[in-house]
Full PDB file with SEQRES, HELIX, SHEET, SSBOND, CRYST1, ORIGX, SCALE, CONECT and MASTER records, all heavy atoms in Angstrom:
SEQRES   1 A   36  ALA ALA VAL ALA GLY TYR PRO HIS LEU THR VAL PRO ALA          
SEQRES   2 A   36  GLY PHE VAL HIS GLY LEU PRO VAL GLY LEU SER PHE VAL          
SEQRES   3 A   36  GLY PRO PRO TYR SER GLU PRO LEU LEU ILE                      
HELIX    1 AA1 GLU A   32  LEU A   35  1                                   4    
SHEET    1 AA1 2 HIS A   8  VAL A  16  0                                        
SHEET    2 AA1 2 LEU A  19  VAL A  26 -1                                        
CRYST1    1.000    1.000    1.000  90.00  90.00  90.00 P 1           1          
ORIGX1      1.000000  0.000000  0.000000        0.00000                         
ORIGX2      0.000000  1.000000  0.000000        0.00000                         
ORIGX3      0.000000  0.000000  1.000000        0.00000                         
SCALE1      1.000000  0.000000  0.000000        0.00000                         
SCALE2      0.000000  1.000000  0.000000        0.00000                         
SCALE3      0.000000  0.000000  1.000000        0.00000                         
ATOM      1  N   ALA A   1      -2.360   1.962   9.445  1.00  0.00           N  
ATOM      2  CA  ALA A   1      -2.464   3.236   8.724  1.00  0.00           C  
ATOM      3  C   ALA A   1      -3.861   3.818   8.819  1.00  0.00           C  
ATOM      4  O   ALA A   1      -4.038   5.041   8.870  1.00  0.00           O  
ATOM      5  CB  ALA A   1      -2.064   3.047   7.260  1.00  0.00           C  
ATOM      6  N   ALA A   2      -4.876   2.949   8.827  1.00  0.00           N  
ATOM      7  CA  ALA A   2      -6.256   3.434   8.909  1.00  0.00           C  
ATOM      8  C   ALA A   2      -6.515   4.154  10.225  1.00  0.00           C  
ATOM      9  O   ALA A   2      -7.092   5.246  10.253  1.00  0.00           O  
ATOM     10  CB  ALA A   2      -7.227   2.270   8.741  1.00  0.00           C  
ATOM     11  N   VAL A   3      -6.099   3.558  11.330  1.00  0.00           N  
ATOM     12  CA  VAL A   3      -6.335   4.166  12.641  1.00  0.00           C  
ATOM     13  C   VAL A   3      -5.486   5.426  12.805  1.00  0.00           C  
ATOM     14  O   VAL A   3      -5.946   6.436  13.345  1.00  0.00           O  
ATOM     15  CB  VAL A   3      -6.043   3.152  13.762  1.00  0.00           C  
ATOM     16  CG1 VAL A   3      -6.187   3.796  15.133  1.00  0.00           C  
ATOM     17  CG2 VAL A   3      -6.993   1.958  13.648  1.00  0.00           C  
ATOM     18  N   ALA A   4      -4.256   5.390  12.321  1.00  0.00           N  
ATOM     19  CA  ALA A   4      -3.385   6.559  12.416  1.00  0.00           C  
ATOM     20  C   ALA A   4      -3.834   7.691  11.499  1.00  0.00           C  
ATOM     21  O   ALA A   4      -3.509   8.856  11.740  1.00  0.00           O  
ATOM     22  CB  ALA A   4      -1.946   6.162  12.081  1.00  0.00           C  
ATOM     23  N   GLY A   5      -4.564   7.355  10.440  1.00  0.00           N  
ATOM     24  CA  GLY A   5      -4.934   8.351   9.436  1.00  0.00           C  
ATOM     25  C   GLY A   5      -3.824   8.612   8.442  1.00  0.00           C  
ATOM     26  O   GLY A   5      -3.810   9.646   7.765  1.00  0.00           O  
ATOM     27  N   TYR A   6      -2.883   7.660   8.317  1.00  0.00           N  
ATOM     28  CA  TYR A   6      -1.710   7.826   7.462  1.00  0.00           C  
ATOM     29  C   TYR A   6      -1.934   7.202   6.086  1.00  0.00           C  
ATOM     30  O   TYR A   6      -2.784   6.320   5.926  1.00  0.00           O  
ATOM     31  CB  TYR A   6      -0.493   7.187   8.127  1.00  0.00           C  
ATOM     32  CG  TYR A   6       0.008   7.896   9.365  1.00  0.00           C  
ATOM     33  CD1 TYR A   6      -0.608   9.054   9.857  1.00  0.00           C  
ATOM     34  CD2 TYR A   6       1.106   7.402  10.064  1.00  0.00           C  
ATOM     35  CE1 TYR A   6      -0.134   9.687  10.995  1.00  0.00           C  
ATOM     36  CE2 TYR A   6       1.590   8.036  11.203  1.00  0.00           C  
ATOM     37  CZ  TYR A   6       0.967   9.175  11.667  1.00  0.00           C  
ATOM     38  OH  TYR A   6       1.432   9.808  12.789  1.00  0.00           O  
ATOM     39  N   PRO A   7      -1.160   7.598   5.090  1.00  0.00           N  
ATOM     40  CA  PRO A   7      -1.374   7.080   3.727  1.00  0.00           C  
ATOM     41  C   PRO A   7      -0.907   5.638   3.578  1.00  0.00           C  
ATOM     42  O   PRO A   7       0.059   5.204   4.214  1.00  0.00           O  
ATOM     43  CB  PRO A   7      -0.555   8.023   2.855  1.00  0.00           C  
ATOM     44  CG  PRO A   7       0.530   8.526   3.755  1.00  0.00           C  
ATOM     45  CD  PRO A   7      -0.102   8.630   5.117  1.00  0.00           C  
ATOM     46  N   HIS A   8      -1.604   4.923   2.698  1.00  0.00           N  
ATOM     47  CA  HIS A   8      -1.346   3.500   2.467  1.00  0.00           C  
ATOM     48  C   HIS A   8      -1.578   3.230   0.982  1.00  0.00           C  
ATOM     49  O   HIS A   8      -2.675   3.441   0.468  1.00  0.00           O  
ATOM     50  CB  HIS A   8      -2.296   2.678   3.337  1.00  0.00           C  
ATOM     51  CG  HIS A   8      -2.105   1.199   3.247  1.00  0.00           C  
ATOM     52  ND1 HIS A   8      -2.716   0.317   4.125  1.00  0.00           N  
ATOM     53  CD2 HIS A   8      -1.395   0.403   2.395  1.00  0.00           C  
ATOM     54  CE1 HIS A   8      -2.392  -0.924   3.813  1.00  0.00           C  
ATOM     55  NE2 HIS A   8      -1.601  -0.895   2.759  1.00  0.00           N  
ATOM     56  N   LEU A   9      -0.544   2.764   0.308  1.00  0.00           N  
ATOM     57  CA  LEU A   9      -0.612   2.427  -1.112  1.00  0.00           C  
ATOM     58  C   LEU A   9      -0.397   0.931  -1.285  1.00  0.00           C  
ATOM     59  O   LEU A   9       0.563   0.373  -0.748  1.00  0.00           O  
ATOM     60  CB  LEU A   9       0.480   3.178  -1.883  1.00  0.00           C  
ATOM     61  CG  LEU A   9       0.633   2.843  -3.374  1.00  0.00           C  
ATOM     62  CD1 LEU A   9      -0.545   3.375  -4.182  1.00  0.00           C  
ATOM     63  CD2 LEU A   9       1.956   3.396  -3.912  1.00  0.00           C  
ATOM     64  N   THR A  10      -1.297   0.276  -2.028  1.00  0.00           N  
ATOM     65  CA  THR A  10      -1.072  -1.120  -2.407  1.00  0.00           C  
ATOM     66  C   THR A  10      -0.853  -1.206  -3.908  1.00  0.00           C  
ATOM     67  O   THR A  10      -1.515  -0.503  -4.681  1.00  0.00           O  
ATOM     68  CB  THR A  10      -2.237  -2.029  -1.965  1.00  0.00           C  
ATOM     69  OG1 THR A  10      -1.939  -3.383  -2.332  1.00  0.00           O  
ATOM     70  CG2 THR A  10      -3.548  -1.630  -2.591  1.00  0.00           C  
ATOM     71  N   VAL A  11       0.078  -2.066  -4.308  1.00  0.00           N  
ATOM     72  CA  VAL A  11       0.457  -2.249  -5.718  1.00  0.00           C  
ATOM     73  C   VAL A  11       0.471  -3.748  -6.001  1.00  0.00           C  
ATOM     74  O   VAL A  11       0.940  -4.532  -5.164  1.00  0.00           O  
ATOM     75  CB  VAL A  11       1.854  -1.645  -5.995  1.00  0.00           C  
ATOM     76  CG1 VAL A  11       2.245  -1.817  -7.465  1.00  0.00           C  
ATOM     77  CG2 VAL A  11       1.879  -0.160  -5.616  1.00  0.00           C  
ATOM     78  N   PRO A  12      -0.054  -4.182  -7.156  1.00  0.00           N  
ATOM     79  CA  PRO A  12      -0.034  -5.613  -7.465  1.00  0.00           C  
ATOM     80  C   PRO A  12       1.364  -6.210  -7.354  1.00  0.00           C  
ATOM     81  O   PRO A  12       2.348  -5.650  -7.863  1.00  0.00           O  
ATOM     82  CB  PRO A  12      -0.545  -5.668  -8.905  1.00  0.00           C  
ATOM     83  CG  PRO A  12      -1.421  -4.460  -9.034  1.00  0.00           C  
ATOM     84  CD  PRO A  12      -0.739  -3.405  -8.212  1.00  0.00           C  
ATOM     85  N   ALA A  13       1.450  -7.362  -6.670  1.00  0.00           N  
ATOM     86  CA  ALA A  13       2.737  -8.012  -6.436  1.00  0.00           C  
ATOM     87  C   ALA A  13       2.848  -9.372  -7.109  1.00  0.00           C  
ATOM     88  O   ALA A  13       3.955  -9.843  -7.372  1.00  0.00           O  
ATOM     89  CB  ALA A  13       2.983  -8.171  -4.936  1.00  0.00           C  
ATOM     90  N   GLY A  14       1.729 -10.037  -7.345  1.00  0.00           N  
ATOM     91  CA  GLY A  14       1.781 -11.370  -7.931  1.00  0.00           C  
ATOM     92  C   GLY A  14       0.479 -12.103  -7.696  1.00  0.00           C  
ATOM     93  O   GLY A  14      -0.550 -11.497  -7.374  1.00  0.00           O  
ATOM     94  N   PHE A  15       0.538 -13.431  -7.830  1.00  0.00           N  
ATOM     95  CA  PHE A  15      -0.664 -14.254  -7.776  1.00  0.00           C  
ATOM     96  C   PHE A  15      -0.429 -15.507  -6.948  1.00  0.00           C  
ATOM     97  O   PHE A  15       0.689 -16.039  -6.919  1.00  0.00           O  
ATOM     98  CB  PHE A  15      -1.092 -14.666  -9.188  1.00  0.00           C  
ATOM     99  CG  PHE A  15      -1.558 -13.509 -10.035  1.00  0.00           C  
ATOM    100  CD1 PHE A  15      -0.646 -12.691 -10.688  1.00  0.00           C  
ATOM    101  CD2 PHE A  15      -2.906 -13.230 -10.165  1.00  0.00           C  
ATOM    102  CE1 PHE A  15      -1.066 -11.617 -11.458  1.00  0.00           C  
ATOM    103  CE2 PHE A  15      -3.343 -12.163 -10.928  1.00  0.00           C  
ATOM    104  CZ  PHE A  15      -2.417 -11.356 -11.582  1.00  0.00           C  
ATOM    105  N   VAL A  16      -1.489 -15.967  -6.313  1.00  0.00           N  
ATOM    106  CA  VAL A  16      -1.519 -17.257  -5.636  1.00  0.00           C  
ATOM    107  C   VAL A  16      -2.667 -18.049  -6.247  1.00  0.00           C  
ATOM    108  O   VAL A  16      -3.828 -17.672  -6.106  1.00  0.00           O  
ATOM    109  CB  VAL A  16      -1.728 -17.092  -4.114  1.00  0.00           C  
ATOM    110  CG1 VAL A  16      -1.939 -18.441  -3.454  1.00  0.00           C  
ATOM    111  CG2 VAL A  16      -0.540 -16.356  -3.490  1.00  0.00           C  
ATOM    112  N   HIS A  17      -2.340 -19.087  -7.001  1.00  0.00           N  
ATOM    113  CA  HIS A  17      -3.359 -19.869  -7.716  1.00  0.00           C  
ATOM    114  C   HIS A  17      -4.266 -18.976  -8.564  1.00  0.00           C  
ATOM    115  O   HIS A  17      -5.478 -19.149  -8.592  1.00  0.00           O  
ATOM    116  CB  HIS A  17      -4.188 -20.704  -6.738  1.00  0.00           C  
ATOM    117  CG  HIS A  17      -3.416 -21.821  -6.090  1.00  0.00           C  
ATOM    118  ND1 HIS A  17      -2.910 -22.882  -6.802  1.00  0.00           N  
ATOM    119  CD2 HIS A  17      -3.070 -22.022  -4.801  1.00  0.00           C  
ATOM    120  CE1 HIS A  17      -2.279 -23.699  -5.974  1.00  0.00           C  
ATOM    121  NE2 HIS A  17      -2.355 -23.198  -4.753  1.00  0.00           N  
ATOM    122  N   GLY A  18      -3.654 -18.020  -9.246  1.00  0.00           N  
ATOM    123  CA  GLY A  18      -4.405 -17.133 -10.121  1.00  0.00           C  
ATOM    124  C   GLY A  18      -5.129 -16.003  -9.428  1.00  0.00           C  
ATOM    125  O   GLY A  18      -5.815 -15.213 -10.091  1.00  0.00           O  
ATOM    126  N   LEU A  19      -4.995 -15.889  -8.106  1.00  0.00           N  
ATOM    127  CA  LEU A  19      -5.661 -14.836  -7.337  1.00  0.00           C  
ATOM    128  C   LEU A  19      -4.643 -13.766  -6.951  1.00  0.00           C  
ATOM    129  O   LEU A  19      -3.579 -14.078  -6.403  1.00  0.00           O  
ATOM    130  CB  LEU A  19      -6.300 -15.425  -6.078  1.00  0.00           C  
ATOM    131  CG  LEU A  19      -7.340 -16.522  -6.312  1.00  0.00           C  
ATOM    132  CD1 LEU A  19      -7.758 -17.140  -4.987  1.00  0.00           C  
ATOM    133  CD2 LEU A  19      -8.553 -15.969  -7.059  1.00  0.00           C  
ATOM    134  N   PRO A  20      -4.940 -12.507  -7.219  1.00  0.00           N  
ATOM    135  CA  PRO A  20      -3.959 -11.442  -6.974  1.00  0.00           C  
ATOM    136  C   PRO A  20      -3.681 -11.202  -5.491  1.00  0.00           C  
ATOM    137  O   PRO A  20      -4.555 -11.384  -4.640  1.00  0.00           O  
ATOM    138  CB  PRO A  20      -4.627 -10.206  -7.587  1.00  0.00           C  
ATOM    139  CG  PRO A  20      -5.689 -10.711  -8.497  1.00  0.00           C  
ATOM    140  CD  PRO A  20      -6.155 -12.001  -7.889  1.00  0.00           C  
ATOM    141  N   VAL A  21      -2.466 -10.756  -5.223  1.00  0.00           N  
ATOM    142  CA  VAL A  21      -2.095 -10.226  -3.910  1.00  0.00           C  
ATOM    143  C   VAL A  21      -1.269  -8.966  -4.133  1.00  0.00           C  
ATOM    144  O   VAL A  21      -0.592  -8.817  -5.157  1.00  0.00           O  
ATOM    145  CB  VAL A  21      -1.297 -11.239  -3.056  1.00  0.00           C  
ATOM    146  CG1 VAL A  21      -2.160 -12.419  -2.660  1.00  0.00           C  
ATOM    147  CG2 VAL A  21      -0.055 -11.726  -3.789  1.00  0.00           C  
ATOM    148  N   GLY A  22      -1.324  -8.051  -3.163  1.00  0.00           N  
ATOM    149  CA  GLY A  22      -0.640  -6.776  -3.302  1.00  0.00           C  
ATOM    150  C   GLY A  22       0.418  -6.555  -2.251  1.00  0.00           C  
ATOM    151  O   GLY A  22       0.398  -7.163  -1.171  1.00  0.00           O  
ATOM    152  N   LEU A  23       1.342  -5.652  -2.564  1.00  0.00           N  
ATOM    153  CA  LEU A  23       2.376  -5.209  -1.635  1.00  0.00           C  
ATOM    154  C   LEU A  23       2.014  -3.813  -1.156  1.00  0.00           C  
ATOM    155  O   LEU A  23       1.707  -2.927  -1.958  1.00  0.00           O  
ATOM    156  CB  LEU A  23       3.741  -5.178  -2.312  1.00  0.00           C  
ATOM    157  CG  LEU A  23       4.916  -4.679  -1.445  1.00  0.00           C  
ATOM    158  CD1 LEU A  23       5.235  -5.681  -0.348  1.00  0.00           C  
ATOM    159  CD2 LEU A  23       6.152  -4.401  -2.302  1.00  0.00           C  
ATOM    160  N   SER A  24       2.059  -3.607   0.161  1.00  0.00           N  
ATOM    161  CA  SER A  24       1.691  -2.329   0.767  1.00  0.00           C  
ATOM    162  C   SER A  24       2.905  -1.475   1.069  1.00  0.00           C  
ATOM    163  O   SER A  24       3.946  -1.979   1.510  1.00  0.00           O  
ATOM    164  CB  SER A  24       0.915  -2.555   2.067  1.00  0.00           C  
ATOM    165  OG  SER A  24      -0.402  -2.978   1.822  1.00  0.00           O  
ATOM    166  N   PHE A  25       2.731  -0.167   0.853  1.00  0.00           N  
ATOM    167  CA  PHE A  25       3.698   0.855   1.252  1.00  0.00           C  
ATOM    168  C   PHE A  25       2.958   1.831   2.175  1.00  0.00           C  
ATOM    169  O   PHE A  25       1.956   2.432   1.775  1.00  0.00           O  
ATOM    170  CB  PHE A  25       4.226   1.620   0.041  1.00  0.00           C  
ATOM    171  CG  PHE A  25       4.978   0.782  -0.953  1.00  0.00           C  
ATOM    172  CD1 PHE A  25       4.299   0.058  -1.925  1.00  0.00           C  
ATOM    173  CD2 PHE A  25       6.364   0.723  -0.934  1.00  0.00           C  
ATOM    174  CE1 PHE A  25       4.982  -0.712  -2.856  1.00  0.00           C  
ATOM    175  CE2 PHE A  25       7.062  -0.042  -1.867  1.00  0.00           C  
ATOM    176  CZ  PHE A  25       6.369  -0.763  -2.824  1.00  0.00           C  
ATOM    177  N   VAL A  26       3.434   1.985   3.402  1.00  0.00           N  
ATOM    178  CA  VAL A  26       2.807   2.874   4.382  1.00  0.00           C  
ATOM    179  C   VAL A  26       3.836   3.887   4.846  1.00  0.00           C  
ATOM    180  O   VAL A  26       4.987   3.532   5.157  1.00  0.00           O  
ATOM    181  CB  VAL A  26       2.258   2.076   5.580  1.00  0.00           C  
ATOM    182  CG1 VAL A  26       1.860   3.000   6.729  1.00  0.00           C  
ATOM    183  CG2 VAL A  26       1.063   1.231   5.152  1.00  0.00           C  
ATOM    184  N   GLY A  27       3.442   5.156   4.887  1.00  0.00           N  
ATOM    185  CA  GLY A  27       4.368   6.202   5.303  1.00  0.00           C  
ATOM    186  C   GLY A  27       3.741   7.169   6.276  1.00  0.00           C  
ATOM    187  O   GLY A  27       2.576   7.017   6.680  1.00  0.00           O  
ATOM    188  N   PRO A  28       4.479   8.203   6.668  1.00  0.00           N  
ATOM    189  CA  PRO A  28       3.962   9.215   7.591  1.00  0.00           C  
ATOM    190  C   PRO A  28       2.920  10.084   6.898  1.00  0.00           C  
ATOM    191  O   PRO A  28       2.727   9.990   5.676  1.00  0.00           O  
ATOM    192  CB  PRO A  28       5.212  10.018   7.967  1.00  0.00           C  
ATOM    193  CG  PRO A  28       6.142   9.839   6.807  1.00  0.00           C  
ATOM    194  CD  PRO A  28       5.884   8.462   6.291  1.00  0.00           C  
ATOM    195  N   PRO A  29       2.222  10.931   7.651  1.00  0.00           N  
ATOM    196  CA  PRO A  29       1.180  11.748   7.030  1.00  0.00           C  
ATOM    197  C   PRO A  29       1.720  12.633   5.914  1.00  0.00           C  
ATOM    198  O   PRO A  29       2.842  13.136   5.990  1.00  0.00           O  
ATOM    199  CB  PRO A  29       0.628  12.576   8.203  1.00  0.00           C  
ATOM    200  CG  PRO A  29       1.650  12.484   9.281  1.00  0.00           C  
ATOM    201  CD  PRO A  29       2.330  11.185   9.096  1.00  0.00           C  
ATOM    202  N   TYR A  30       0.907  12.762   4.873  1.00  0.00           N  
ATOM    203  CA  TYR A  30       1.199  13.593   3.706  1.00  0.00           C  
ATOM    204  C   TYR A  30       2.460  13.145   2.959  1.00  0.00           C  
ATOM    205  O   TYR A  30       3.110  13.946   2.299  1.00  0.00           O  
ATOM    206  CB  TYR A  30       1.298  15.077   4.102  1.00  0.00           C  
ATOM    207  CG  TYR A  30       0.030  15.571   4.736  1.00  0.00           C  
ATOM    208  CD1 TYR A  30      -0.054  15.703   6.121  1.00  0.00           C  
ATOM    209  CD2 TYR A  30      -1.089  15.859   3.970  1.00  0.00           C  
ATOM    210  CE1 TYR A  30      -1.233  16.129   6.721  1.00  0.00           C  
ATOM    211  CE2 TYR A  30      -2.274  16.284   4.567  1.00  0.00           C  
ATOM    212  CZ  TYR A  30      -2.349  16.412   5.940  1.00  0.00           C  
ATOM    213  OH  TYR A  30      -3.507  16.818   6.534  1.00  0.00           O  
ATOM    214  N   SER A  31       2.765  11.844   3.035  1.00  0.00           N  
ATOM    215  CA  SER A  31       3.904  11.306   2.284  1.00  0.00           C  
ATOM    216  C   SER A  31       3.459  10.663   0.976  1.00  0.00           C  
ATOM    217  O   SER A  31       4.171   9.828   0.422  1.00  0.00           O  
ATOM    218  CB  SER A  31       4.674  10.292   3.139  1.00  0.00           C  
ATOM    219  OG  SER A  31       3.858   9.181   3.489  1.00  0.00           O  
ATOM    220  N   GLU A  32       2.306  11.074   0.457  1.00  0.00           N  
ATOM    221  CA  GLU A  32       1.819  10.507  -0.803  1.00  0.00           C  
ATOM    222  C   GLU A  32       2.818  10.642  -1.943  1.00  0.00           C  
ATOM    223  O   GLU A  32       2.980   9.679  -2.723  1.00  0.00           O  
ATOM    224  CB  GLU A  32       0.476  11.150  -1.189  1.00  0.00           C  
ATOM    225  CG  GLU A  32      -0.712  10.609  -0.431  1.00  0.00           C  
ATOM    226  CD  GLU A  32      -0.900  11.194   0.946  1.00  0.00           C  
ATOM    227  OE1 GLU A  32      -0.069  12.055   1.362  1.00  0.00           O  
ATOM    228  OE2 GLU A  32      -1.877  10.820   1.634  1.00  0.00           O  
ATOM    229  N   PRO A  33       3.515  11.774  -2.121  1.00  0.00           N  
ATOM    230  CA  PRO A  33       4.504  11.824  -3.206  1.00  0.00           C  
ATOM    231  C   PRO A  33       5.567  10.739  -3.093  1.00  0.00           C  
ATOM    232  O   PRO A  33       5.952  10.120  -4.102  1.00  0.00           O  
ATOM    233  CB  PRO A  33       5.105  13.226  -3.064  1.00  0.00           C  
ATOM    234  CG  PRO A  33       4.008  14.036  -2.439  1.00  0.00           C  
ATOM    235  CD  PRO A  33       3.346  13.092  -1.467  1.00  0.00           C  
ATOM    236  N   LEU A  34       6.040  10.494  -1.875  1.00  0.00           N  
ATOM    237  CA  LEU A  34       7.029   9.438  -1.667  1.00  0.00           C  
ATOM    238  C   LEU A  34       6.446   8.071  -1.991  1.00  0.00           C  
ATOM    239  O   LEU A  34       7.066   7.278  -2.731  1.00  0.00           O  
ATOM    240  CB  LEU A  34       7.502   9.464  -0.212  1.00  0.00           C  
ATOM    241  CG  LEU A  34       8.316   8.245   0.254  1.00  0.00           C  
ATOM    242  CD1 LEU A  34       9.632   8.160  -0.494  1.00  0.00           C  
ATOM    243  CD2 LEU A  34       8.532   8.296   1.761  1.00  0.00           C  
ATOM    244  N   LEU A  35       5.265   7.761  -1.457  1.00  0.00           N  
ATOM    245  CA  LEU A  35       4.678   6.444  -1.676  1.00  0.00           C  
ATOM    246  C   LEU A  35       4.377   6.216  -3.151  1.00  0.00           C  
ATOM    247  O   LEU A  35       4.573   5.104  -3.676  1.00  0.00           O  
ATOM    248  CB  LEU A  35       3.407   6.280  -0.843  1.00  0.00           C  
ATOM    249  CG  LEU A  35       3.559   6.366   0.682  1.00  0.00           C  
ATOM    250  CD1 LEU A  35       2.238   6.014   1.353  1.00  0.00           C  
ATOM    251  CD2 LEU A  35       4.676   5.474   1.192  1.00  0.00           C  
ATOM    252  N   ILE A  36       3.896   7.237  -3.835  1.00  0.00           N  
ATOM    253  CA  ILE A  36       3.633   7.113  -5.271  1.00  0.00           C  
ATOM    254  C   ILE A  36       4.921   6.821  -6.025  1.00  0.00           C  
ATOM    255  O   ILE A  36       4.951   5.972  -6.923  1.00  0.00           O  
ATOM    256  CB  ILE A  36       2.935   8.385  -5.795  1.00  0.00           C  
ATOM    257  CG1 ILE A  36       1.484   8.412  -5.309  1.00  0.00           C  
ATOM    258  CG2 ILE A  36       2.991   8.464  -7.315  1.00  0.00           C  
ATOM    259  CD1 ILE A  36       0.777   9.741  -5.529  1.00  0.00           C  
TER     260      ILE A  36                                                      
MASTER        0    0    0    1    2    0    0    6  259    1    0    3          
END                                                                             
């Protein structure tokens, strides 16, 4: 998404030994309403 210039949303998904990890949602350009 960074190289393409496209939107990327990460949302907390859970923990591994108390350390957070996130789930990513990536879409086409200007799809922020959808990803949100």
